[in-house]
């Protein structure tokens, strides 16, 4: 192989690695070795070259995207409504199948939870508890379900409420659905608001079954406050964009159950 051909092959592989890191936000060396079918030293050299060009950040044991959201960063509810809409729609449709007529369910704040709410006119006699104004408003106008709103402080340009924990001490639900701003197998589900994270954690503990609705773009991101750890979640519903590494790790775990929609 000539030097020019060898150089082109290296550039193509590094471009492919960069694209892979951008897609999955945070990846490990072992994952890249498996994905590219090259040696550990080759991957490390490629990552060093990409970091030198400012295209990635190297981490202990891997790399992460330079475009990854900063801890504490968050966007307004109106901005998130149109992000990853196809994946969120499929996740919501799958989650609908987990709800039975007569259930008492919690739909905690989030755009994916809102999409789930908009599928619930095919269900009968539900009792729905929520801290999301958009969810409560839509259900009240479009269904005959019983809707209970957890009242509390509403932040400017956000449609959710950080509620008083005393409100949930006597409540129990069959199934609780929640989403997050960021998720990692080791770190768990996270949001950018500490008060919201604490409120939702306490409420989720009142549910018989806890179900996280999380599109794959949230995997590998980090937010300021943890809602709950992976081991506390019963079911995770996500889309096929989840990385092979995350999929493999979660599928090997006895808990939670992983549901991937395509």
Foldseek 3Di string as FASTA:
>chain_A
DDPVVVVVVLVVLLVVVLVVQVLQFWDFLVLSCVVVVDDSVSSVVSVVVCVVVVQWAADVGTIGGPPFDDALDDDFQVVCLPPPVVFLLQLLVVVLVVDAAQFEEEQEDDNSSQSNLVVCQVHHAYEYEYQFQSSQVCCVVPHPYHYHHQDADDDPRHRGHLHDLVVQPPDAGAEYEYEAQAAEQAQGGHHADASNLDSLLSNQVRYPAYEYEYESVRYPHHYDYHNDHQQSHAEYEYEPSHDPVRVVVVVPDPPHHYHYHD
